[in-house]
PDB file of N, CA and C in Angstrom:
ATOM      1  N   MET A   1     -18.576  12.414 -21.757  1.00  0.00           N
ATOM      2  CA  MET A   1     -18.000  11.290 -20.824  1.00  0.00           C
ATOM      3  C   MET A   1     -18.180  11.866 -19.656  1.00  0.00           C
ATOM      4  N   ASN A   2     -18.229  10.909 -18.553  1.00  0.00           N
ATOM      5  CA  ASN A   2     -18.237  11.389 -16.866  1.00  0.00           C
ATOM      6  C   ASN A   2     -16.711  11.425 -16.707  1.00  0.00           C
ATOM      7  N   THR A   3     -16.378  12.645 -15.726  1.00  0.00           N
ATOM      8  CA  THR A   3     -15.233  12.983 -15.550  1.00  0.00           C
ATOM      9  C   THR A   3     -14.882  11.617 -14.105  1.00  0.00           C
ATOM     10  N   ILE A   4     -13.558  11.321 -14.664  1.00  0.00           N
ATOM     11  CA  ILE A   4     -12.895  10.086 -13.595  1.00  0.00           C
ATOM     12  C   ILE A   4     -12.975  11.086 -12.134  1.00  0.00           C
ATOM     13  N   GLU A   5     -13.652  10.528 -10.921  1.00  0.00           N
ATOM     14  CA  GLU A   5     -13.077  10.562  -9.455  1.00  0.00           C
ATOM     15  C   GLU A   5     -12.027  10.461  -8.884  1.00  0.00           C
ATOM     16  N   SER A   6     -12.034   9.191  -9.251  1.00  0.00           N
ATOM     17  CA  SER A   6     -10.747   8.448  -8.483  1.00  0.00           C
ATOM     18  C   SER A   6     -10.583   7.024  -9.094  1.00  0.00           C
ATOM     19  N   ILE A   7      -9.478   6.473  -8.928  1.00  0.00           N
ATOM     20  CA  ILE A   7      -9.342   5.203  -9.311  1.00  0.00           C
ATOM     21  C   ILE A   7      -8.359   4.328  -8.320  1.00  0.00           C
ATOM     22  N   SER A   8      -9.395   3.040  -7.107  1.00  0.00           N
ATOM     23  CA  SER A   8      -8.768   2.537  -6.561  1.00  0.00           C
ATOM     24  C   SER A   8      -8.637   1.513  -6.597  1.00  0.00           C
ATOM     25  N   PRO A   9      -7.283   0.370  -6.424  1.00  0.00           N
ATOM     26  CA  PRO A   9      -6.862  -1.121  -6.827  1.00  0.00           C
ATOM     27  C   PRO A   9      -7.541  -1.614  -5.324  1.00  0.00           C
ATOM     28  N   ILE A  10      -8.091  -2.934  -6.013  1.00  0.00           N
ATOM     29  CA  ILE A  10      -9.012  -3.554  -5.045  1.00  0.00           C
ATOM     30  C   ILE A  10      -7.726  -4.826  -4.844  1.00  0.00           C
ATOM     31  N   LEU A  11      -7.713  -5.294  -3.794  1.00  0.00           N
ATOM     32  CA  LEU A  11      -6.292  -6.486  -3.099  1.00  0.00           C
ATOM     33  C   LEU A  11      -7.096  -7.209  -2.169  1.00  0.00           C
ATOM     34  N   SER A  12      -6.847  -8.201  -2.754  1.00  0.00           N
ATOM     35  CA  SER A  12      -7.247  -9.543  -2.193  1.00  0.00           C
ATOM     36  C   SER A  12      -6.458  -9.910  -0.798  1.00  0.00           C
ATOM     37  N   VAL A  13      -7.416 -10.154   0.058  1.00  0.00           N
ATOM     38  CA  VAL A  13      -6.727 -10.356   1.338  1.00  0.00           C
ATOM     39  C   VAL A  13      -7.397 -11.887   1.980  1.00  0.00           C
ATOM     40  N   ALA A  14      -6.304 -12.197   2.841  1.00  0.00           N
ATOM     41  CA  ALA A  14      -6.849 -13.672   3.454  1.00  0.00           C
ATOM     42  C   ALA A  14      -7.505 -13.504   4.727  1.00  0.00           C
ATOM     43  N   ASP A  15      -7.046 -12.370   5.440  1.00  0.00           N
ATOM     44  CA  ASP A  15      -7.304 -12.073   6.896  1.00  0.00           C
ATOM     45  C   ASP A  15      -7.514 -10.677   7.280  1.00  0.00           C
ATOM     46  N   MET A  16      -8.953 -10.250   6.917  1.00  0.00           N
ATOM     47  CA  MET A  16      -8.891  -9.012   6.877  1.00  0.00           C
ATOM     48  C   MET A  16      -8.489  -7.974   8.305  1.00  0.00           C
ATOM     49  N   GLN A  17      -8.529  -8.591   9.706  1.00  0.00           N
ATOM     50  CA  GLN A  17      -7.953  -7.993  10.607  1.00  0.00           C
ATOM     51  C   GLN A  17      -6.394  -8.045  10.748  1.00  0.00           C
ATOM     52  N   ARG A  18      -5.762  -8.824  10.060  1.00  0.00           N
ATOM     53  CA  ARG A  18      -4.193  -8.537   9.975  1.00  0.00           C
ATOM     54  C   ARG A  18      -4.155  -7.735   8.663  1.00  0.00           C
ATOM     55  N   SER A  19      -4.951  -7.711   7.526  1.00  0.00           N
ATOM     56  CA  SER A  19      -4.417  -6.686   6.577  1.00  0.00           C
ATOM     57  C   SER A  19      -4.883  -5.415   7.111  1.00  0.00           C
ATOM     58  N   LEU A  20      -5.660  -5.182   8.099  1.00  0.00           N
ATOM     59  CA  LEU A  20      -6.065  -3.531   8.729  1.00  0.00           C
ATOM     60  C   LEU A  20      -5.029  -3.364   9.548  1.00  0.00           C
ATOM     61  N   GLY A  21      -5.036  -4.117  10.208  1.00  0.00           N
ATOM     62  CA  GLY A  21      -3.481  -4.038  11.203  1.00  0.00           C
ATOM     63  C   GLY A  21      -2.186  -3.468  10.286  1.00  0.00           C
ATOM     64  N   PHE A  22      -2.233  -4.193   8.971  1.00  0.00           N
ATOM     65  CA  PHE A  22      -0.933  -3.570   8.481  1.00  0.00           C
ATOM     66  C   PHE A  22      -1.271  -2.293   7.940  1.00  0.00           C
ATOM     67  N   TYR A  23      -2.349  -2.015   7.063  1.00  0.00           N
ATOM     68  CA  TYR A  23      -2.327  -0.804   6.548  1.00  0.00           C
ATOM     69  C   TYR A  23      -2.203   0.464   7.189  1.00  0.00           C
ATOM     70  N   VAL A  24      -3.622   0.085   8.175  1.00  0.00           N
ATOM     71  CA  VAL A  24      -3.536   1.276   8.893  1.00  0.00           C
ATOM     72  C   VAL A  24      -2.650   1.354  10.303  1.00  0.00           C
ATOM     73  N   ASP A  25      -2.435   0.332  10.905  1.00  0.00           N
ATOM     74  CA  ASP A  25      -1.410   0.488  12.583  1.00  0.00           C
ATOM     75  C   ASP A  25      -0.380   0.666  12.053  1.00  0.00           C
ATOM     76  N   LEU A  26       0.291   0.388  10.653  1.00  0.00           N
ATOM     77  CA  LEU A  26       1.848  -0.085  10.095  1.00  0.00           C
ATOM     78  C   LEU A  26       2.265   1.393   9.431  1.00  0.00           C
ATOM     79  N   LEU A  27       1.160   1.591   8.249  1.00  0.00           N
ATOM     80  CA  LEU A  27       1.311   2.416   7.154  1.00  0.00           C
ATOM     81  C   LEU A  27       0.530   3.721   7.471  1.00  0.00           C
ATOM     82  N   GLY A  28      -0.186   3.506   8.079  1.00  0.00           N
ATOM     83  CA  GLY A  28      -1.086   5.129   8.932  1.00  0.00           C
ATOM     84  C   GLY A  28      -2.103   5.595   7.756  1.00  0.00           C
ATOM     85  N   PHE A  29      -2.775   4.472   7.336  1.00  0.00           N
ATOM     86  CA  PHE A  29      -4.130   4.606   6.371  1.00  0.00           C
ATOM     87  C   PHE A  29      -5.241   4.806   7.345  1.00  0.00           C
ATOM     88  N   GLU A  30      -6.276   5.111   7.029  1.00  0.00           N
ATOM     89  CA  GLU A  30      -7.531   5.193   7.952  1.00  0.00           C
ATOM     90  C   GLU A  30      -8.726   4.361   7.275  1.00  0.00           C
ATOM     91  N   ASN A  31      -9.269   3.613   7.887  1.00  0.00           N
ATOM     92  CA  ASN A  31     -10.315   2.029   7.729  1.00  0.00           C
ATOM     93  C   ASN A  31     -11.594   3.385   7.558  1.00  0.00           C
ATOM     94  N   ALA A  32     -11.956   2.760   6.357  1.00  0.00           N
ATOM     95  CA  ALA A  32     -13.606   3.492   5.983  1.00  0.00           C
ATOM     96  C   ALA A  32     -14.681   3.178   7.270  1.00  0.00           C
ATOM     97  N   GLU A  33     -15.097   4.074   7.131  1.00  0.00           N
ATOM     98  CA  GLU A  33     -16.296   3.990   8.188  1.00  0.00           C
ATOM     99  C   GLU A  33     -17.416   2.902   7.727  1.00  0.00           C
ATOM    100  N   TRP A  34     -17.552   2.652   6.179  1.00  0.00           N
ATOM    101  CA  TRP A  34     -18.780   1.435   5.798  1.00  0.00           C
ATOM    102  C   TRP A  34     -18.234   0.223   5.735  1.00  0.00           C
ATOM    103  N   CYS A  35     -17.318  -0.027   6.947  1.00  0.00           N
ATOM    104  CA  CYS A  35     -16.382  -1.330   6.096  1.00  0.00           C
ATOM    105  C   CYS A  35     -17.210  -2.241   6.890  1.00  0.00           C
ATOM    106  N   ASN A  36     -16.818  -3.616   5.729  1.00  0.00           N
ATOM    107  CA  ASN A  36     -17.656  -4.557   7.234  1.00  0.00           C
ATOM    108  C   ASN A  36     -16.514  -5.981   7.409  1.00  0.00           C
ATOM    109  N   ASP A  37     -16.788  -6.897   7.553  1.00  0.00           N
ATOM    110  CA  ASP A  37     -15.981  -7.852   8.342  1.00  0.00           C
ATOM    111  C   ASP A  37     -15.136  -8.668   6.772  1.00  0.00           C
ATOM    112  N   THR A  38     -15.628  -8.259   5.225  1.00  0.00           N
ATOM    113  CA  THR A  38     -15.423  -8.941   3.970  1.00  0.00           C
ATOM    114  C   THR A  38     -14.770  -7.734   3.052  1.00  0.00           C
ATOM    115  N   PHE A  39     -15.239  -6.903   3.238  1.00  0.00           N
ATOM    116  CA  PHE A  39     -14.874  -5.583   2.183  1.00  0.00           C
ATOM    117  C   PHE A  39     -14.711  -4.431   3.020  1.00  0.00           C
ATOM    118  N   THR A  40     -13.383  -3.648   2.768  1.00  0.00           N
ATOM    119  CA  THR A  40     -13.538  -2.164   3.049  1.00  0.00           C
ATOM    120  C   THR A  40     -12.411  -1.794   2.275  1.00  0.00           C
ATOM    121  N   GLY A  41     -12.450  -0.037   2.555  1.00  0.00           N
ATOM    122  CA  GLY A  41     -11.494   1.121   1.742  1.00  0.00           C
ATOM    123  C   GLY A  41     -10.513   1.371   2.475  1.00  0.00           C
ATOM    124  N   VAL A  42      -9.271   1.693   2.829  1.00  0.00           N
ATOM    125  CA  VAL A  42      -8.652   2.532   3.448  1.00  0.00           C
ATOM    126  C   VAL A  42      -7.692   3.909   2.683  1.00  0.00           C
ATOM    127  N   SER A  43      -7.998   4.970   3.510  1.00  0.00           N
ATOM    128  CA  SER A  43      -7.347   5.926   2.747  1.00  0.00           C
ATOM    129  C   SER A  43      -6.377   6.857   3.168  1.00  0.00           C
ATOM    130  N   ARG A  44      -5.796   7.425   2.818  1.00  0.00           N
ATOM    131  CA  ARG A  44      -4.686   8.507   3.475  1.00  0.00           C
ATOM    132  C   ARG A  44      -4.478   9.304   2.303  1.00  0.00           C
ATOM    133  N   ASP A  45      -4.353  10.692   3.040  1.00  0.00           N
ATOM    134  CA  ASP A  45      -3.857  11.990   1.787  1.00  0.00           C
ATOM    135  C   ASP A  45      -4.759  12.037   0.284  1.00  0.00           C
ATOM    136  N   GLY A  46      -5.853  11.623   0.639  1.00  0.00           N
ATOM    137  CA  GLY A  46      -6.656  11.462  -0.271  1.00  0.00           C
ATOM    138  C   GLY A  46      -6.875  10.290  -1.179  1.00  0.00           C
ATOM    139  N   CYS A  47      -5.966   9.270  -1.300  1.00  0.00           N
ATOM    140  CA  CYS A  47      -5.988   8.286  -2.027  1.00  0.00           C
ATOM    141  C   CYS A  47      -6.687   6.835  -1.522  1.00  0.00           C
ATOM    142  N   SER A  48      -7.137   5.980  -1.799  1.00  0.00           N
ATOM    143  CA  SER A  48      -7.427   4.746  -1.314  1.00  0.00           C
ATOM    144  C   SER A  48      -7.077   3.589  -2.149  1.00  0.00           C
ATOM    145  N   ILE A  49      -7.216   2.537  -1.087  1.00  0.00           N
ATOM    146  CA  ILE A  49      -6.843   1.304  -1.983  1.00  0.00           C
ATOM    147  C   ILE A  49      -8.177   0.398  -1.032  1.00  0.00           C
ATOM    148  N   LEU A  50      -8.396  -0.626  -1.840  1.00  0.00           N
ATOM    149  CA  LEU A  50      -9.900  -1.274  -0.864  1.00  0.00           C
ATOM    150  C   LEU A  50      -9.370  -2.629  -1.067  1.00  0.00           C
ATOM    151  N   LEU A  51     -10.174  -3.319   0.011  1.00  0.00           N
ATOM    152  CA  LEU A  51      -9.415  -4.701   0.516  1.00  0.00           C
ATOM    153  C   LEU A  51     -10.727  -5.529   0.347  1.00  0.00           C
ATOM    154  N   ARG A  52     -10.422  -6.519   0.018  1.00  0.00           N
ATOM    155  CA  ARG A  52     -11.630  -7.624  -0.190  1.00  0.00           C
ATOM    156  C   ARG A  52     -11.037  -8.916  -0.038  1.00  0.00           C
ATOM    157  N   GLN A  53     -11.620  -9.427   1.585  1.00  0.00           N
ATOM    158  CA  GLN A  53     -11.446 -10.695   1.887  1.00  0.00           C
ATOM    159  C   GLN A  53     -11.563 -12.139   1.272  1.00  0.00           C
ATOM    160  N   ASP A  54     -10.567 -12.981   0.498  1.00  0.00           N
ATOM    161  CA  ASP A  54     -10.703 -13.639  -0.339  1.00  0.00           C
ATOM    162  C   ASP A  54     -10.381 -14.977   0.120  1.00  0.00           C
ATOM    163  N   ASP A  55     -10.532 -16.668  -0.244  1.00  0.00           N
ATOM    164  CA  ASP A  55     -10.637 -17.680   0.457  1.00  0.00           C
ATOM    165  C   ASP A  55      -9.164 -17.900   0.041  1.00  0.00           C
ATOM    166  N   ASP A  56      -8.909 -17.359  -1.245  1.00  0.00           N
ATOM    167  CA  ASP A  56      -7.776 -17.850  -2.210  1.00  0.00           C
ATOM    168  C   ASP A  56      -6.783 -16.509  -2.930  1.00  0.00           C
ATOM    169  N   PRO A  57      -6.482 -15.631  -2.329  1.00  0.00           N
ATOM    170  CA  PRO A  57      -6.575 -14.413  -2.734  1.00  0.00           C
ATOM    171  C   PRO A  57      -5.192 -14.649  -3.670  1.00  0.00           C
ATOM    172  N   ALA A  58      -5.106 -13.784  -4.667  1.00  0.00           N
ATOM    173  CA  ALA A  58      -3.670 -13.739  -5.523  1.00  0.00           C
ATOM    174  C   ALA A  58      -3.079 -12.463  -5.510  1.00  0.00           C
ATOM    175  N   PRO A  59      -1.756 -12.368  -5.352  1.00  0.00           N
ATOM    176  CA  PRO A  59      -0.832 -11.245  -4.862  1.00  0.00           C
ATOM    177  C   PRO A  59      -1.128 -10.665  -6.266  1.00  0.00           C
ATOM    178  N   SER A  60      -1.115  -9.034  -5.643  1.00  0.00           N
ATOM    179  CA  SER A  60      -1.266  -8.364  -6.798  1.00  0.00           C
ATOM    180  C   SER A  60      -0.058  -6.849  -6.413  1.00  0.00           C
ATOM    181  N   ARG A  61       0.127  -5.892  -7.511  1.00  0.00           N
ATOM    182  CA  ARG A  61       0.863  -4.881  -7.283  1.00  0.00           C
ATOM    183  C   ARG A  61       0.517  -3.846  -7.245  1.00  0.00           C
ATOM    184  N   ILE A  62       1.002  -2.472  -6.461  1.00  0.00           N
ATOM    185  CA  ILE A  62       0.276  -1.160  -6.712  1.00  0.00           C
ATOM    186  C   ILE A  62       1.677  -0.213  -6.566  1.00  0.00           C
ATOM    187  N   TYR A  63       1.249   1.196  -7.188  1.00  0.00           N
ATOM    188  CA  TYR A  63       2.401   1.708  -6.749  1.00  0.00           C
ATOM    189  C   TYR A  63       2.147   3.002  -6.893  1.00  0.00           C
ATOM    190  N   ILE A  64       2.786   3.588  -5.235  1.00  0.00           N
ATOM    191  CA  ILE A  64       2.178   4.677  -4.787  1.00  0.00           C
ATOM    192  C   ILE A  64       3.252   5.705  -4.975  1.00  0.00           C
ATOM    193  N   SER A  65       3.198   7.083  -5.424  1.00  0.00           N
ATOM    194  CA  SER A  65       4.013   8.068  -5.409  1.00  0.00           C
ATOM    195  C   SER A  65       4.193   9.280  -4.498  1.00  0.00           C
ATOM    196  N   LEU A  66       5.293   9.277  -3.978  1.00  0.00           N
ATOM    197  CA  LEU A  66       5.048  10.531  -2.859  1.00  0.00           C
ATOM    198  C   LEU A  66       6.613  10.869  -3.020  1.00  0.00           C
ATOM    199  N   GLU A  67       6.697  12.016  -1.830  1.00  0.00           N
ATOM    200  CA  GLU A  67       7.844  13.036  -1.790  1.00  0.00           C
ATOM    201  C   GLU A  67       8.785  12.448  -1.215  1.00  0.00           C
ATOM    202  N   ASN A  68       9.111  11.408  -1.060  1.00  0.00           N
ATOM    203  CA  ASN A  68      10.543  11.211  -0.530  1.00  0.00           C
ATOM    204  C   ASN A  68      10.376   9.349  -0.181  1.00  0.00           C
ATOM    205  N   ALA A  69      10.515   8.739  -0.823  1.00  0.00           N
ATOM    206  CA  ALA A  69      10.523   6.932  -0.724  1.00  0.00           C
ATOM    207  C   ALA A  69      11.643   6.750   0.485  1.00  0.00           C
ATOM    208  N   ARG A  70      12.790   7.258   0.478  1.00  0.00           N
ATOM    209  CA  ARG A  70      14.171   6.991   1.105  1.00  0.00           C
ATOM    210  C   ARG A  70      13.647   6.854   3.038  1.00  0.00           C
ATOM    211  N   ALA A  71      12.982   8.338   3.026  1.00  0.00           N
ATOM    212  CA  ALA A  71      12.291   8.606   4.316  1.00  0.00           C
ATOM    213  C   ALA A  71      11.301   7.596   4.327  1.00  0.00           C
ATOM    214  N   VAL A  72      10.057   7.333   3.864  1.00  0.00           N
ATOM    215  CA  VAL A  72       9.330   6.163   4.565  1.00  0.00           C
ATOM    216  C   VAL A  72       9.737   4.562   4.667  1.00  0.00           C
ATOM    217  N   HIS A  73      11.275   4.521   3.546  1.00  0.00           N
ATOM    218  CA  HIS A  73      12.135   3.171   3.727  1.00  0.00           C
ATOM    219  C   HIS A  73      12.327   3.036   5.335  1.00  0.00           C
ATOM    220  N   ASP A  74      13.073   4.353   5.787  1.00  0.00           N
ATOM    221  CA  ASP A  74      13.664   4.268   6.994  1.00  0.00           C
ATOM    222  C   ASP A  74      12.194   4.450   8.258  1.00  0.00           C
ATOM    223  N   GLU A  75      11.527   4.799   7.780  1.00  0.00           N
ATOM    224  CA  GLU A  75      10.429   5.145   8.562  1.00  0.00           C
ATOM    225  C   GLU A  75       9.840   3.721   8.964  1.00  0.00           C
ATOM    226  N   LEU A  76       9.090   2.828   7.899  1.00  0.00           N
ATOM    227  CA  LEU A  76       8.639   1.546   7.920  1.00  0.00           C
ATOM    228  C   LEU A  76       9.763   0.153   8.228  1.00  0.00           C
ATOM    229  N   LYS A  77      11.576   0.490   8.224  1.00  0.00           N
ATOM    230  CA  LYS A  77      11.958  -0.580   8.477  1.00  0.00           C
ATOM    231  C   LYS A  77      11.986  -1.165  10.534  1.00  0.00           C
ATOM    232  N   PRO A  78      12.345  -0.345  10.528  1.00  0.00           N
ATOM    233  CA  PRO A  78      11.976  -0.533  12.498  1.00  0.00           C
ATOM    234  C   PRO A  78      11.117  -1.019  13.034  1.00  0.00           C
ATOM    235  N   LYS A  79       9.658  -1.150  12.018  1.00  0.00           N
ATOM    236  CA  LYS A  79       8.129  -1.879  12.235  1.00  0.00           C
ATOM    237  C   LYS A  79       8.512  -3.051  11.886  1.00  0.00           C
ATOM    238  N   GLY A  80       9.308  -3.651  11.344  1.00  0.00           N
ATOM    239  CA  GLY A  80       9.437  -4.965  10.757  1.00  0.00           C
ATOM    240  C   GLY A  80       8.348  -4.978   9.554  1.00  0.00           C
ATOM    241  N   VAL A  81       7.746  -4.064   8.881  1.00  0.00           N
ATOM    242  CA  VAL A  81       7.421  -4.345   7.211  1.00  0.00           C
ATOM    243  C   VAL A  81       8.342  -5.212   6.691  1.00  0.00           C
ATOM    244  N   THR A  82       7.903  -5.934   5.892  1.00  0.00           N
ATOM    245  CA  THR A  82       8.825  -6.699   4.789  1.00  0.00           C
ATOM    246  C   THR A  82       9.497  -5.698   3.752  1.00  0.00           C
ATOM    247  N   ILE A  83      10.294  -5.789   3.646  1.00  0.00           N
ATOM    248  CA  ILE A  83      11.307  -4.628   2.356  1.00  0.00           C
ATOM    249  C   ILE A  83      11.244  -5.833   1.330  1.00  0.00           C
ATOM    250  N   VAL A  84      11.005  -5.711   0.165  1.00  0.00           N
ATOM    251  CA  VAL A  84      11.706  -6.682  -0.754  1.00  0.00           C
ATOM    252  C   VAL A  84      12.887  -5.832  -1.373  1.00  0.00           C
ATOM    253  N   MET A  85      12.515  -4.390  -1.703  1.00  0.00           N
ATOM    254  CA  MET A  85      13.596  -4.060  -2.132  1.00  0.00           C
ATOM    255  C   MET A  85      13.876  -2.375  -1.779  1.00  0.00           C
ATOM    256  N   GLY A  86      15.143  -2.499  -1.032  1.00  0.00           N
ATOM    257  CA  GLY A  86      15.502  -1.431  -0.047  1.00  0.00           C
ATOM    258  C   GLY A  86      15.339  -0.088  -1.498  1.00  0.00           C
ATOM    259  N   PRO A  87      15.918   1.364  -1.042  1.00  0.00           N
ATOM    260  CA  PRO A  87      16.048   2.632  -2.313  1.00  0.00           C
ATOM    261  C   PRO A  87      16.627   2.160  -2.746  1.00  0.00           C
ATOM    262  N   THR A  88      16.262   2.182  -4.117  1.00  0.00           N
ATOM    263  CA  THR A  88      16.773   1.921  -5.378  1.00  0.00           C
ATOM    264  C   THR A  88      16.381   3.301  -6.007  1.00  0.00           C
ATOM    265  N   ASP A  89      17.710   3.925  -6.870  1.00  0.00           N
ATOM    266  CA  ASP A  89      17.388   5.206  -7.643  1.00  0.00           C
ATOM    267  C   ASP A  89      17.428   4.426  -8.898  1.00  0.00           C
ATOM    268  N   LYS A  90      16.154   4.077  -9.554  1.00  0.00           N
ATOM    269  CA  LYS A  90      16.089   3.574 -11.212  1.00  0.00           C
ATOM    270  C   LYS A  90      16.288   4.823 -12.477  1.00  0.00           C
ATOM    271  N   GLY A  91      17.014   5.676 -11.425  1.00  0.00           N
ATOM    272  CA  GLY A  91      17.032   6.981 -12.800  1.00  0.00           C
ATOM    273  C   GLY A  91      15.566   7.857 -13.276  1.00  0.00           C
ATOM    274  N   HIS A  92      14.640   6.774 -13.411  1.00  0.00           N
ATOM    275  CA  HIS A  92      13.456   7.752 -13.406  1.00  0.00           C
ATOM    276  C   HIS A  92      12.658   8.319 -11.947  1.00  0.00           C
ATOM    277  N   ALA A  93      13.295   7.682 -10.945  1.00  0.00           N
ATOM    278  CA  ALA A  93      12.233   7.605  -9.355  1.00  0.00           C
ATOM    279  C   ALA A  93      12.951   6.631  -8.462  1.00  0.00           C
ATOM    280  N   LEU A  94      13.119   7.296  -7.451  1.00  0.00           N
ATOM    281  CA  LEU A  94      13.851   6.312  -6.655  1.00  0.00           C
ATOM    282  C   LEU A  94      12.642   5.509  -6.005  1.00  0.00           C
ATOM    283  N   GLU A  95      13.102   4.301  -5.815  1.00  0.00           N
ATOM    284  CA  GLU A  95      11.598   3.417  -5.347  1.00  0.00           C
ATOM    285  C   GLU A  95      12.318   2.229  -4.015  1.00  0.00           C
ATOM    286  N   ILE A  96      11.212   2.167  -3.402  1.00  0.00           N
ATOM    287  CA  ILE A  96      11.185   0.622  -2.399  1.00  0.00           C
ATOM    288  C   ILE A  96      10.347  -0.008  -2.809  1.00  0.00           C
ATOM    289  N   THR A  97      10.008  -1.410  -2.152  1.00  0.00           N
ATOM    290  CA  THR A  97       9.156  -2.000  -2.391  1.00  0.00           C
ATOM    291  C   THR A  97       9.192  -2.604  -1.341  1.00  0.00           C
ATOM    292  N   ILE A  98       7.639  -2.685  -0.978  1.00  0.00           N
ATOM    293  CA  ILE A  98       7.012  -3.683   0.240  1.00  0.00           C
ATOM    294  C   ILE A  98       6.351  -4.733   0.111  1.00  0.00           C
ATOM    295  N   GLU A  99       6.052  -5.647   0.997  1.00  0.00           N
ATOM    296  CA  GLU A  99       5.158  -6.885   0.875  1.00  0.00           C
ATOM    297  C   GLU A  99       4.006  -7.044   1.992  1.00  0.00           C
ATOM    298  N   ASP A 100       2.770  -6.614   1.548  1.00  0.00           N
ATOM    299  CA  ASP A 100       1.995  -7.047   2.537  1.00  0.00           C
ATOM    300  C   ASP A 100       1.388  -8.294   3.166  1.00  0.00           C
ATOM    301  N   PRO A 101       0.991  -8.696   4.382  1.00  0.00           N
ATOM    302  CA  PRO A 101       0.685 -10.370   4.944  1.00  0.00           C
ATOM    303  C   PRO A 101       0.367 -10.944   3.954  1.00  0.00           C
ATOM    304  N   ASP A 102      -0.342 -10.482   2.979  1.00  0.00           N
ATOM    305  CA  ASP A 102      -0.684 -11.962   1.886  1.00  0.00           C
ATOM    306  C   ASP A 102      -0.008 -11.513   0.015  1.00  0.00           C
ATOM    307  N   GLY A 103       1.204 -10.877   0.401  1.00  0.00           N
ATOM    308  CA  GLY A 103       2.048 -10.576  -0.559  1.00  0.00           C
ATOM    309  C   GLY A 103       2.136  -9.852  -1.765  1.00  0.00           C
ATOM    310  N   ASN A 104       0.905  -9.087  -1.808  1.00  0.00           N
ATOM    311  CA  ASN A 104       0.810  -8.196  -2.262  1.00  0.00           C
ATOM    312  C   ASN A 104       1.953  -6.977  -2.519  1.00  0.00           C
ATOM    313  N   LEU A 105       2.583  -6.867  -3.678  1.00  0.00           N
ATOM    314  CA  LEU A 105       3.618  -5.945  -3.619  1.00  0.00           C
ATOM    315  C   LEU A 105       3.249  -4.179  -3.732  1.00  0.00           C
ATOM    316  N   ILE A 106       3.773  -3.513  -2.895  1.00  0.00           N
ATOM    317  CA  ILE A 106       3.326  -1.875  -3.055  1.00  0.00           C
ATOM    318  C   ILE A 106       4.788  -1.251  -3.172  1.00  0.00           C
ATOM    319  N   ARG A 107       4.962  -0.995  -4.610  1.00  0.00           N
ATOM    320  CA  ARG A 107       6.063  -0.199  -4.954  1.00  0.00           C
ATOM    321  C   ARG A 107       5.696   1.419  -4.900  1.00  0.00           C
ATOM    322  N   ILE A 108       6.898   2.154  -3.852  1.00  0.00           N
ATOM    323  CA  ILE A 108       6.763   3.549  -3.470  1.00  0.00           C
ATOM    324  C   ILE A 108       7.895   4.406  -4.301  1.00  0.00           C
ATOM    325  N   GLY A 109       7.398   5.371  -4.781  1.00  0.00           N
ATOM    326  CA  GLY A 109       8.545   5.748  -5.318  1.00  0.00           C
ATOM    327  C   GLY A 109       8.198   7.460  -5.242  1.00  0.00           C
ATOM    328  N   SER A 110       9.626   7.946  -5.587  1.00  0.00           N
ATOM    329  CA  SER A 110       9.447   9.776  -5.373  1.00  0.00           C
ATOM    330  C   SER A 110      10.749   9.821  -6.539  1.00  0.00           C
ATOM    331  N   GLU A 111      10.843  11.269  -6.685  1.00  0.00           N
ATOM    332  CA  GLU A 111      11.728  11.736  -7.839  1.00  0.00           C
ATOM    333  C   GLU A 111      13.390  11.450  -6.900  1.00  0.00           C
ATOM    334  N   PRO A 112      13.910  11.050  -8.438  1.00  0.00           N
ATOM    335  CA  PRO A 112      15.281  10.527  -8.064  1.00  0.00           C
ATOM    336  C   PRO A 112      16.261  11.427  -7.218  1.00  0.00           C
ATOM    337  N   GLU A 113      17.343  11.006  -6.111  1.00  0.00           N
ATOM    338  CA  GLU A 113      17.921  11.551  -6.026  1.00  0.00           C
ATOM    339  C   GLU A 113      18.830  12.093  -6.691  1.00  0.00           C
ATOM    340  N   LYS A 114      19.525  13.028  -6.571  1.00  0.00           N
ATOM    341  CA  LYS A 114      20.309  13.902  -7.146  1.00  0.00           C
ATOM    342  C   LYS A 114      21.907  13.695  -6.801  1.00  0.00           C
TER     343      LYS A 114
END
């Protein structure tokens, strides 16, 4: 069997430019060089999310693991990012949940705080 090189969620978005503003300008992702008006990929730290413009986008959910979810919360809050759930220690992880302009939920988690 072939080795999996990566797995990327595809999120439906209503307005590509608005979504790029969120992922690139607010979250620090880079837009793919091969992008077009209705489909692109954004990446950061070797991970990527694909964005597909859709006339009737349905919200999706993704999970991002990183080093410090609380620091991400503190960085995003003053930028006006919609925070659905502030830093919450779930026992297995410290998590926050944010929402993109299309209602897609992004849960961000790190090791639980001690």
